[in-house]
Amino acid sequence: MIVFIDGPDGSGKSTLVARLGPALVTHGRTVTHAPPLWSYLNEMSAPEEFAPWVRTTPGIEIAHALLEAKTRRIESLITTAGTRRAHDVTLVDRGPKTEICSARAHHKTGIPAPGNPQLPDSSTDHHRMRAS
């Protein structure tokens, strides 16, 4: 079984995963945790690289990278599904719905690419100030 935990940032997804794992183990389940989403992002090799990358990358590129990472993680989970037994549970912190919402938010409000006509000037100025 694969359990995706979805919700907005700060809603308690990681806390729920941290508490759910031991609770499932006490009920006879074997629990594994899916690798974090950042590990599927080609743009980085450590979680501390995420914030600087977000602050300096156009929103459309962030959105694309997040959706690609989401796809790679799901493909990995599908590939390993055949090795799981009936009582195995894989917990996934930050599920597909959360990732899609994050991608949309970054696309809409992220640092625009030079000459990006999709974002109004005031938004562009705000994000350029935020990045410096």
N, C-alpha and C. Protein backbone atom coordinates (compact mmCIF):
# COMPACT_ATOMS: atom_id res chain seq x y z
N MET A 1 0.85 -1.16 0.00
CA MET A 1 0.00 0.00 0.00
C MET A 1 0.91 1.23 0.00
N ILE A 2 0.53 2.22 -0.79
CA ILE A 2 1.23 3.49 -0.82
C ILE A 2 0.27 4.54 -0.27
N VAL A 3 0.72 5.31 0.72
CA VAL A 3 -0.10 6.35 1.33
C VAL A 3 0.55 7.69 1.05
N PHE A 4 -0.13 8.52 0.27
CA PHE A 4 0.33 9.88 -0.02
C PHE A 4 -0.31 10.82 0.99
N ILE A 5 0.51 11.69 1.58
CA ILE A 5 0.01 12.70 2.51
C ILE A 5 0.05 14.04 1.78
N ASP A 6 -1.10 14.62 1.54
CA ASP A 6 -1.21 15.89 0.83
C ASP A 6 -1.67 16.97 1.78
N GLY A 7 -1.33 18.21 1.46
CA GLY A 7 -1.77 19.36 2.23
C GLY A 7 -0.84 20.53 2.00
N PRO A 8 -1.31 21.72 2.32
CA PRO A 8 -0.47 22.91 2.11
C PRO A 8 0.74 22.92 3.04
N ASP A 9 1.73 23.73 2.68
CA ASP A 9 2.91 23.87 3.52
C ASP A 9 2.51 24.27 4.93
N GLY A 10 3.12 23.63 5.91
CA GLY A 10 2.84 23.94 7.30
C GLY A 10 1.60 23.28 7.86
N SER A 11 0.96 22.41 7.09
CA SER A 11 -0.29 21.80 7.57
C SER A 11 -0.07 20.56 8.44
N GLY A 12 1.18 20.10 8.56
CA GLY A 12 1.45 18.96 9.42
C GLY A 12 1.70 17.66 8.69
N LYS A 13 1.99 17.72 7.40
CA LYS A 13 2.24 16.48 6.64
C LYS A 13 3.39 15.68 7.23
N SER A 14 4.52 16.35 7.45
CA SER A 14 5.71 15.65 7.98
C SER A 14 5.46 15.12 9.38
N THR A 15 4.76 15.87 10.20
CA THR A 15 4.42 15.41 11.55
C THR A 15 3.53 14.18 11.47
N LEU A 16 2.55 14.21 10.58
CA LEU A 16 1.66 13.06 10.43
C LEU A 16 2.43 11.82 9.99
N VAL A 17 3.32 11.97 9.02
CA VAL A 17 4.13 10.85 8.54
C VAL A 17 4.99 10.30 9.68
N ALA A 18 5.61 11.21 10.45
CA ALA A 18 6.47 10.79 11.55
C ALA A 18 5.71 10.00 12.62
N ARG A 19 4.45 10.35 12.84
CA ARG A 19 3.65 9.65 13.85
C ARG A 19 2.93 8.43 13.30
N LEU A 20 2.58 8.49 12.04
CA LEU A 20 1.84 7.39 11.43
C LEU A 20 2.72 6.15 11.26
N GLY A 21 3.99 6.34 10.89
CA GLY A 21 4.89 5.21 10.70
C GLY A 21 4.97 4.30 11.92
N PRO A 22 5.36 4.83 13.08
CA PRO A 22 5.43 3.97 14.28
C PRO A 22 4.08 3.36 14.66
N ALA A 23 3.00 4.09 14.45
CA ALA A 23 1.67 3.55 14.77
C ALA A 23 1.36 2.34 13.89
N LEU A 24 1.71 2.43 12.61
CA LEU A 24 1.47 1.30 11.70
C LEU A 24 2.34 0.10 12.07
N VAL A 25 3.58 0.37 12.47
CA VAL A 25 4.48 -0.72 12.87
C VAL A 25 3.91 -1.46 14.08
N THR A 26 3.35 -0.74 15.04
CA THR A 26 2.77 -1.41 16.22
C THR A 26 1.57 -2.27 15.85
N HIS A 27 1.00 -2.02 14.69
CA HIS A 27 -0.12 -2.84 14.22
C HIS A 27 0.33 -3.88 13.19
N GLY A 28 1.61 -4.20 13.18
CA GLY A 28 2.10 -5.30 12.36
C GLY A 28 2.44 -4.95 10.92
N ARG A 29 2.48 -3.69 10.59
CA ARG A 29 2.83 -3.29 9.22
C ARG A 29 4.33 -3.06 9.11
N THR A 30 4.85 -3.31 7.93
CA THR A 30 6.22 -2.93 7.61
C THR A 30 6.13 -1.58 6.91
N VAL A 31 6.83 -0.58 7.43
CA VAL A 31 6.71 0.78 6.93
C VAL A 31 8.03 1.23 6.31
N THR A 32 7.93 1.80 5.12
CA THR A 32 9.06 2.46 4.50
C THR A 32 8.61 3.87 4.14
N HIS A 33 9.59 4.75 4.01
CA HIS A 33 9.31 6.14 3.63
C HIS A 33 9.86 6.38 2.24
N ALA A 34 9.03 6.92 1.37
CA ALA A 34 9.49 7.25 0.02
C ALA A 34 10.54 8.35 0.11
N PRO A 35 11.51 8.33 -0.80
CA PRO A 35 12.51 9.41 -0.80
C PRO A 35 11.81 10.77 -0.95
N PRO A 36 12.39 11.82 -0.36
CA PRO A 36 11.77 13.15 -0.47
C PRO A 36 11.78 13.65 -1.91
N LEU A 37 10.85 14.53 -2.20
CA LEU A 37 10.71 15.04 -3.57
C LEU A 37 11.99 15.69 -4.07
N TRP A 38 12.71 16.43 -3.20
CA TRP A 38 13.92 17.13 -3.66
C TRP A 38 14.91 16.15 -4.28
N SER A 39 14.91 14.89 -3.81
CA SER A 39 15.89 13.93 -4.33
C SER A 39 15.58 13.53 -5.78
N TYR A 40 14.40 13.87 -6.27
CA TYR A 40 14.05 13.61 -7.67
C TYR A 40 14.22 14.85 -8.55
N LEU A 41 14.65 15.95 -7.96
CA LEU A 41 14.90 17.18 -8.73
C LEU A 41 16.32 17.12 -9.28
N ASN A 42 16.46 17.16 -10.58
CA ASN A 42 17.78 17.12 -11.21
C ASN A 42 18.62 18.32 -10.82
N GLU A 43 17.98 19.40 -10.40
CA GLU A 43 18.66 20.66 -10.13
C GLU A 43 19.44 20.68 -8.82
N MET A 44 19.30 19.66 -7.98
CA MET A 44 19.97 19.74 -6.68
C MET A 44 20.37 18.37 -6.17
N SER A 45 21.31 18.39 -5.22
CA SER A 45 21.78 17.14 -4.63
C SER A 45 21.66 17.14 -3.11
N ALA A 46 21.11 18.22 -2.53
CA ALA A 46 20.92 18.30 -1.08
C ALA A 46 19.72 19.19 -0.80
N PRO A 47 18.99 18.92 0.29
CA PRO A 47 17.78 19.71 0.58
C PRO A 47 18.06 21.19 0.82
N GLU A 48 19.26 21.52 1.32
CA GLU A 48 19.52 22.94 1.58
C GLU A 48 19.71 23.75 0.30
N GLU A 49 19.80 23.08 -0.84
CA GLU A 49 19.91 23.77 -2.12
C GLU A 49 18.55 24.25 -2.64
N PHE A 50 17.45 23.76 -2.03
CA PHE A 50 16.12 24.07 -2.55
C PHE A 50 15.78 25.55 -2.45
N ALA A 51 15.92 26.15 -1.27
CA ALA A 51 15.53 27.55 -1.08
C ALA A 51 16.31 28.49 -2.00
N PRO A 52 17.64 28.38 -2.10
CA PRO A 52 18.35 29.27 -3.03
C PRO A 52 17.92 29.06 -4.49
N TRP A 53 17.65 27.82 -4.85
CA TRP A 53 17.20 27.52 -6.21
C TRP A 53 15.86 28.20 -6.49
N VAL A 54 14.94 28.11 -5.54
CA VAL A 54 13.62 28.74 -5.71
C VAL A 54 13.75 30.26 -5.81
N ARG A 55 14.63 30.85 -5.03
CA ARG A 55 14.78 32.31 -5.04
C ARG A 55 15.42 32.84 -6.31
N THR A 56 16.11 32.00 -7.06
CA THR A 56 16.84 32.49 -8.23
C THR A 56 16.37 31.89 -9.56
N THR A 57 15.35 31.08 -9.54
CA THR A 57 14.90 30.38 -10.74
C THR A 57 13.53 30.89 -11.18
N PRO A 58 13.35 31.11 -12.48
CA PRO A 58 12.02 31.52 -12.97
C PRO A 58 10.95 30.51 -12.56
N GLY A 59 9.78 31.05 -12.20
CA GLY A 59 8.68 30.21 -11.73
C GLY A 59 8.29 29.09 -12.66
N ILE A 60 8.30 29.35 -13.97
CA ILE A 60 7.93 28.31 -14.94
C ILE A 60 8.92 27.14 -14.90
N GLU A 61 10.19 27.45 -14.66
CA GLU A 61 11.20 26.39 -14.58
C GLU A 61 11.03 25.58 -13.30
N ILE A 62 10.68 26.24 -12.22
CA ILE A 62 10.42 25.54 -10.96
C ILE A 62 9.21 24.62 -11.13
N ALA A 63 8.15 25.15 -11.71
CA ALA A 63 6.93 24.36 -11.92
C ALA A 63 7.24 23.12 -12.76
N HIS A 64 7.96 23.31 -13.83
CA HIS A 64 8.31 22.18 -14.70
C HIS A 64 9.13 21.14 -13.93
N ALA A 65 10.13 21.60 -13.19
CA ALA A 65 11.00 20.68 -12.44
C ALA A 65 10.20 19.92 -11.38
N LEU A 66 9.29 20.60 -10.68
CA LEU A 66 8.48 19.93 -9.65
C LEU A 66 7.59 18.85 -10.26
N LEU A 67 6.99 19.15 -11.40
CA LEU A 67 6.11 18.16 -12.04
C LEU A 67 6.92 16.98 -12.58
N GLU A 68 8.10 17.25 -13.11
CA GLU A 68 8.97 16.17 -13.57
C GLU A 68 9.40 15.29 -12.39
N ALA A 69 9.77 15.92 -11.27
CA ALA A 69 10.17 15.17 -10.08
C ALA A 69 9.02 14.33 -9.56
N LYS A 70 7.82 14.91 -9.55
CA LYS A 70 6.63 14.17 -9.11
C LYS A 70 6.44 12.93 -9.97
N THR A 71 6.59 13.08 -11.26
CA THR A 71 6.43 11.97 -12.18
C THR A 71 7.48 10.89 -11.94
N ARG A 72 8.74 11.31 -11.77
CA ARG A 72 9.81 10.33 -11.52
C ARG A 72 9.57 9.57 -10.21
N ARG A 73 9.09 10.28 -9.19
CA ARG A 73 8.86 9.60 -7.91
C ARG A 73 7.72 8.59 -8.04
N ILE A 74 6.65 8.96 -8.71
CA ILE A 74 5.54 8.02 -8.89
C ILE A 74 5.98 6.82 -9.72
N GLU A 75 6.76 7.06 -10.77
CA GLU A 75 7.27 5.94 -11.58
C GLU A 75 8.12 5.00 -10.73
N SER A 76 8.94 5.56 -9.84
CA SER A 76 9.77 4.75 -8.95
C SER A 76 8.90 3.93 -8.01
N LEU A 77 7.86 4.54 -7.46
CA LEU A 77 6.96 3.81 -6.57
C LEU A 77 6.24 2.68 -7.31
N ILE A 78 5.85 2.94 -8.55
CA ILE A 78 5.19 1.91 -9.34
C ILE A 78 6.15 0.76 -9.64
N THR A 79 7.38 1.11 -9.98
CA THR A 79 8.38 0.09 -10.31
C THR A 79 8.64 -0.83 -9.13
N THR A 80 8.66 -0.28 -7.93
CA THR A 80 8.96 -1.10 -6.75
C THR A 80 7.70 -1.73 -6.14
N ALA A 81 6.54 -1.42 -6.68
CA ALA A 81 5.28 -1.94 -6.11
C ALA A 81 5.23 -3.47 -6.12
N GLY A 82 5.80 -4.09 -7.11
CA GLY A 82 5.76 -5.54 -7.22
C GLY A 82 6.54 -6.26 -6.13
N THR A 83 7.46 -5.55 -5.47
CA THR A 83 8.26 -6.18 -4.43
C THR A 83 7.63 -6.05 -3.05
N ARG A 84 6.54 -5.29 -2.95
CA ARG A 84 5.88 -5.09 -1.66
C ARG A 84 4.95 -6.26 -1.33
N ARG A 85 4.89 -6.57 -0.05
CA ARG A 85 3.96 -7.59 0.42
C ARG A 85 2.67 -6.92 0.86
N ALA A 86 1.66 -7.70 1.13
CA ALA A 86 0.34 -7.16 1.45
C ALA A 86 0.34 -6.27 2.69
N HIS A 87 1.21 -6.53 3.65
CA HIS A 87 1.21 -5.73 4.89
C HIS A 87 2.23 -4.59 4.86
N ASP A 88 2.91 -4.37 3.72
CA ASP A 88 3.87 -3.28 3.60
C ASP A 88 3.16 -1.96 3.30
N VAL A 89 3.64 -0.90 3.93
CA VAL A 89 3.09 0.44 3.69
C VAL A 89 4.25 1.37 3.35
N THR A 90 4.11 2.11 2.27
CA THR A 90 5.08 3.14 1.91
C THR A 90 4.40 4.49 2.16
N LEU A 91 5.02 5.30 3.01
CA LEU A 91 4.49 6.63 3.31
C LEU A 91 5.20 7.66 2.44
N VAL A 92 4.41 8.53 1.83
CA VAL A 92 4.95 9.56 0.94
C VAL A 92 4.55 10.92 1.48
N ASP A 93 5.54 11.65 1.98
CA ASP A 93 5.32 13.00 2.51
C ASP A 93 5.27 13.94 1.31
N ARG A 94 4.17 14.59 1.12
CA ARG A 94 3.93 15.52 0.02
C ARG A 94 3.51 14.70 -1.21
N GLY A 95 2.21 14.54 -1.35
CA GLY A 95 1.67 13.74 -2.44
C GLY A 95 1.49 14.53 -3.73
N PRO A 96 0.99 13.86 -4.77
CA PRO A 96 0.85 14.49 -6.09
C PRO A 96 0.00 15.75 -6.10
N LYS A 97 -1.07 15.78 -5.31
CA LYS A 97 -1.92 16.99 -5.32
C LYS A 97 -1.16 18.18 -4.76
N THR A 98 -0.41 17.96 -3.69
CA THR A 98 0.39 19.04 -3.10
C THR A 98 1.44 19.51 -4.09
N GLU A 99 2.08 18.57 -4.77
CA GLU A 99 3.13 18.92 -5.73
C GLU A 99 2.56 19.72 -6.90
N ILE A 100 1.39 19.34 -7.38
CA ILE A 100 0.76 20.08 -8.47
C ILE A 100 0.40 21.49 -8.01
N CYS A 101 -0.15 21.61 -6.80
CA CYS A 101 -0.47 22.95 -6.28
C CYS A 101 0.78 23.80 -6.13
N SER A 102 1.86 23.20 -5.65
CA SER A 102 3.12 23.94 -5.51
C SER A 102 3.63 24.39 -6.88
N ALA A 103 3.55 23.51 -7.87
CA ALA A 103 4.00 23.87 -9.21
C ALA A 103 3.17 25.03 -9.77
N ARG A 104 1.87 24.96 -9.58
CA ARG A 104 1.01 26.06 -10.06
C ARG A 104 1.35 27.37 -9.36
N ALA A 105 1.58 27.30 -8.05
CA ALA A 105 1.90 28.51 -7.29
C ALA A 105 3.23 29.10 -7.76
N HIS A 106 4.22 28.27 -7.95
CA HIS A 106 5.52 28.77 -8.43
C HIS A 106 5.40 29.34 -9.83
N HIS A 107 4.62 28.70 -10.67
CA HIS A 107 4.43 29.20 -12.03
C HIS A 107 3.78 30.57 -12.02
N LYS A 108 2.80 30.73 -11.14
CA LYS A 108 2.04 31.99 -11.10
C LYS A 108 2.80 33.11 -10.41
N THR A 109 3.53 32.80 -9.36
CA THR A 109 4.13 33.87 -8.55
C THR A 109 5.64 33.84 -8.50
N GLY A 110 6.28 32.86 -9.13
CA GLY A 110 7.73 32.75 -9.05
C GLY A 110 8.46 33.85 -9.79
N ILE A 111 9.77 33.90 -9.60
CA ILE A 111 10.60 34.88 -10.29
C ILE A 111 10.41 34.66 -11.78
N PRO A 112 9.97 35.66 -12.52
CA PRO A 112 9.70 35.46 -13.94
C PRO A 112 10.99 35.38 -14.75
N ALA A 113 10.87 34.68 -15.85
CA ALA A 113 11.97 34.68 -16.81
C ALA A 113 12.03 36.07 -17.44
N PRO A 114 13.21 36.51 -17.90
CA PRO A 114 13.30 37.82 -18.54
C PRO A 114 12.30 37.95 -19.69
N GLY A 115 11.54 39.04 -19.67
CA GLY A 115 10.56 39.29 -20.72
C GLY A 115 9.32 38.43 -20.65
N ASN A 116 9.05 37.80 -19.51
CA ASN A 116 7.88 36.95 -19.36
C ASN A 116 6.62 37.81 -19.36
N PRO A 117 5.80 37.73 -20.41
CA PRO A 117 4.61 38.58 -20.48
C PRO A 117 3.47 38.10 -19.58
N GLN A 118 3.60 36.93 -18.96
CA GLN A 118 2.50 36.39 -18.17
C GLN A 118 2.34 37.08 -16.82
N LEU A 119 3.39 37.72 -16.32
CA LEU A 119 3.32 38.34 -15.01
C LEU A 119 3.29 39.85 -15.14
N PRO A 120 2.42 40.53 -14.39
CA PRO A 120 2.38 41.99 -14.43
C PRO A 120 3.66 42.58 -13.86
N ASP A 121 3.94 43.82 -14.26
CA ASP A 121 5.17 44.48 -13.83
C ASP A 121 5.31 44.55 -12.32
N SER A 122 4.23 44.83 -11.60
CA SER A 122 4.33 44.96 -10.14
C SER A 122 4.79 43.64 -9.52
N SER A 123 4.28 42.52 -10.03
CA SER A 123 4.68 41.22 -9.53
C SER A 123 6.15 40.97 -9.86
N THR A 124 6.53 41.34 -11.06
CA THR A 124 7.91 41.17 -11.48
C THR A 124 8.86 41.92 -10.56
N ASP A 125 8.53 43.17 -10.26
CA ASP A 125 9.38 43.99 -9.40
C ASP A 125 9.47 43.39 -8.00
N HIS A 126 8.33 42.92 -7.48
CA HIS A 126 8.29 42.34 -6.15
C HIS A 126 9.23 41.14 -6.06
N HIS A 127 9.18 40.25 -7.05
CA HIS A 127 9.99 39.03 -7.01
C HIS A 127 11.45 39.32 -7.27
N ARG A 128 11.75 40.32 -8.06
CA ARG A 128 13.15 40.67 -8.25
C ARG A 128 13.73 41.22 -6.95
N MET A 129 12.94 42.00 -6.21
CA MET A 129 13.41 42.53 -4.92
C MET A 129 13.61 41.38 -3.93
N ARG A 130 12.70 40.43 -3.92
CA ARG A 130 12.76 39.31 -3.00
C ARG A 130 14.01 38.47 -3.24
N ALA A 131 14.42 38.33 -4.49
CA ALA A 131 15.54 37.49 -4.83
C ALA A 131 16.87 38.11 -4.42
N SER A 132 16.93 39.43 -4.27
CA SER A 132 18.23 40.03 -3.93
C SER A 132 18.48 40.11 -2.46
